[in-house]
């Protein structure tokens, strides 16, 4: 069997970690860094919106059952 050779021009950095944001403020607190990197980051917005939607639907369900739960139970 013939042996395959490696590609002639492999892509350097194929498995490199994703680039980080270039903002490095030494006076930034841990909370503001967390908010910037985890909550307001553009690549994480869709997941954060999904979490907020789920929490809002749950809270609306709890609120509606507390307000109008007696209507649901037959007397």
Protein backbone atom coordinates (compact mmCIF):
# COMPACT_ATOMS: atom_id res chain seq x y z
CA UNK A 1 0.00 0.00 0.00
CA UNK A 2 1.14 3.46 -0.76
CA UNK A 3 1.59 5.81 2.13
CA UNK A 4 -0.09 9.20 2.05
CA UNK A 5 2.02 12.25 2.54
CA UNK A 6 1.10 15.20 4.67
CA UNK A 7 -0.51 18.16 2.91
CA UNK A 8 2.00 20.47 1.30
CA UNK A 9 0.74 23.67 2.92
CA UNK A 10 -0.92 22.87 6.25
CA UNK A 11 -2.92 25.70 7.74
CA UNK A 12 -0.92 27.12 10.66
CA UNK A 13 -2.91 27.58 13.81
CA UNK A 14 -5.67 25.22 12.80
CA UNK A 15 -6.31 24.26 16.40
CA UNK A 16 -5.48 27.62 17.92
CA UNK A 17 -7.82 28.97 20.60
CA UNK A 18 -10.27 31.65 19.50
CA UNK A 19 -8.90 35.18 19.61
CA UNK A 20 -9.57 37.07 22.83
CA UNK A 21 -10.78 40.62 22.99
CA UNK A 22 -7.97 43.14 22.99
CA UNK A 23 -9.28 45.16 25.94
CA UNK A 24 -6.97 44.70 28.92
CA UNK A 25 -7.63 47.34 31.54
CA UNK A 26 -5.58 46.72 34.70
CA UNK A 27 -8.07 48.79 36.73
CA UNK A 28 -11.10 46.77 35.61
CA UNK A 29 -12.86 44.86 38.36
CA UNK A 30 -13.67 41.16 38.13
CA UNK A 31 -17.40 41.89 37.95
CA UNK A 32 -17.11 44.31 35.04
CA UNK A 33 -14.76 41.90 33.23
CA UNK A 34 -17.29 39.08 33.74
CA UNK A 35 -20.13 41.25 32.41
CA UNK A 36 -18.06 42.29 29.39
CA UNK A 37 -16.78 38.80 28.52
CA UNK A 38 -19.76 36.60 29.42
CA UNK A 39 -22.92 38.71 29.19
CA UNK A 40 -22.29 41.41 26.59
CA UNK A 41 -19.97 39.42 24.32
CA UNK A 42 -21.47 39.20 20.80
CA UNK A 43 -20.72 35.49 20.47
CA UNK A 44 -22.73 34.71 23.63
CA UNK A 45 -25.76 36.97 23.09
CA UNK A 46 -27.96 34.24 21.59
CA UNK A 47 -27.44 31.93 24.58
CA UNK A 48 -28.04 34.76 27.04
CA UNK A 49 -31.28 35.71 25.29
CA UNK A 50 -32.37 32.07 25.50
CA UNK A 51 -31.71 31.99 29.24
CA UNK A 52 -33.55 35.28 29.83
CA UNK A 53 -36.52 34.03 27.77
CA UNK A 54 -36.73 30.82 29.81
CA UNK A 55 -36.56 32.67 33.13
CA UNK A 56 -39.21 35.15 31.97
CA UNK A 57 -41.60 32.39 30.86
CA UNK A 58 -41.10 30.57 34.18
CA UNK A 59 -41.70 33.76 36.19
CA UNK A 60 -44.81 34.58 34.15
CA UNK A 61 -46.14 31.07 34.80
CA UNK A 62 -45.56 31.34 38.54
CA UNK A 63 -47.16 34.79 38.60
CA UNK A 64 -50.22 33.70 36.63
CA UNK A 65 -50.80 30.59 38.76
CA UNK A 66 -50.48 32.67 41.93
CA UNK A 67 -52.94 35.26 40.61
CA UNK A 68 -55.49 33.10 38.80
CA UNK A 69 -54.80 29.60 40.14
CA UNK A 70 -58.18 29.38 41.84
CA UNK A 71 -59.86 29.54 38.42
CA UNK A 72 -58.01 26.41 37.34
CA UNK A 73 -59.22 24.28 40.28
CA UNK A 74 -62.84 23.13 40.02
CA UNK A 75 -64.85 23.85 43.16
